[in-house]
Protein backbone atom coordinates (compact mmCIF):
# COMPACT_ATOMS: atom_id res chain seq x y z
CA MET A 1 46.41 -6.23 -73.65
CA SER A 2 48.09 -4.15 -74.68
CA GLU A 3 51.38 -3.80 -76.81
CA GLY A 4 54.42 -4.35 -74.54
CA LEU A 5 58.52 -4.61 -74.43
CA ILE A 6 59.96 -7.95 -73.81
CA THR A 7 64.03 -8.21 -74.45
CA ALA A 8 64.92 -11.66 -75.43
CA ASN A 9 68.77 -12.28 -75.67
CA GLY A 10 68.98 -8.83 -75.50
CA GLN A 11 66.87 -7.51 -78.02
CA LEU A 12 64.07 -5.55 -77.31
CA VAL A 13 61.02 -7.21 -79.22
CA LYS A 14 57.58 -5.10 -79.34
CA THR A 15 54.52 -8.19 -78.63
CA MET A 16 51.08 -8.15 -77.07
CA LEU A 17 51.00 -8.35 -73.70
CA PRO A 18 50.57 -10.07 -70.95
CA CYS A 19 51.31 -13.44 -73.38
CA SER A 20 52.50 -16.75 -72.26
CA VAL A 21 56.24 -18.22 -72.62
CA GLU A 22 54.45 -20.53 -75.59
CA SER A 23 53.44 -17.56 -77.51
CA PHE A 24 55.43 -15.94 -77.41
CA LEU A 25 57.82 -18.56 -78.47
CA VAL A 26 55.06 -19.08 -81.14
CA LEU A 27 55.40 -15.61 -82.17
CA GLN A 28 59.67 -15.81 -82.82
CA LYS A 29 58.89 -18.78 -84.94
CA LEU A 30 60.48 -21.26 -82.15
CA LEU A 31 58.97 -24.80 -81.66
CA PRO A 32 58.27 -24.32 -77.38
CA ARG A 33 60.38 -28.59 -77.50
CA SER A 34 63.35 -27.96 -78.67
CA VAL A 35 64.19 -23.87 -76.70
CA VAL A 36 65.66 -23.75 -73.30
CA VAL A 37 63.93 -20.50 -71.56
CA GLU A 38 65.39 -18.73 -68.56
CA HIS A 39 62.60 -15.88 -67.35
CA ASN A 40 63.89 -12.89 -65.35
CA GLY A 41 67.00 -15.37 -64.17
CA ASP A 42 64.96 -18.06 -63.61
CA ALA A 43 65.01 -21.65 -65.85
CA VAL A 44 61.45 -21.91 -66.50
CA ALA A 45 60.44 -26.03 -67.33
CA PRO A 46 58.86 -26.58 -70.30
CA SER A 47 55.49 -27.33 -68.57
CA GLU A 48 55.33 -24.18 -67.34
CA PHE A 49 55.88 -22.10 -70.88
CA ALA A 50 52.09 -22.01 -71.33
CA SER A 51 51.30 -21.15 -67.48
CA ARG A 52 53.86 -18.75 -67.13
CA GLU A 53 53.24 -14.69 -68.61
CA LEU A 54 55.23 -11.88 -69.53
CA GLN A 55 55.06 -8.45 -68.75
CA SER A 56 56.45 -5.89 -70.42
CA GLY A 57 60.03 -4.85 -69.05
CA ASP A 58 60.91 -9.06 -68.16
CA ARG A 59 64.02 -10.61 -69.89
CA LEU A 60 64.60 -13.84 -71.28
CA GLU A 61 67.11 -15.82 -72.59
CA ILE A 62 66.43 -18.43 -75.73
CA VAL A 63 69.16 -21.23 -76.29
CA GLN A 64 67.57 -23.11 -79.20
CA ILE A 65 68.79 -27.48 -78.71
CA VAL A 66 70.44 -28.82 -81.42
CA ALA A 67 71.04 -32.91 -81.74
CA GLY A 68 73.39 -34.22 -83.26
CA GLY A 69 77.03 -35.81 -82.16
């Protein structure tokens, strides 16, 4: 493993790579079940969070799901 940079919602974030989308979300204190994720422009299904690997230079857009009416 090595340290790398991921761009998450326009902010550079240092993290240990490679890691999964799920691991990255947990490190950012986000519940994987409460977010929608786009990885390098592609929507990621929640079932793929554990298997989708991040590499240095990747871009994530993370949107928190808010319940309510």
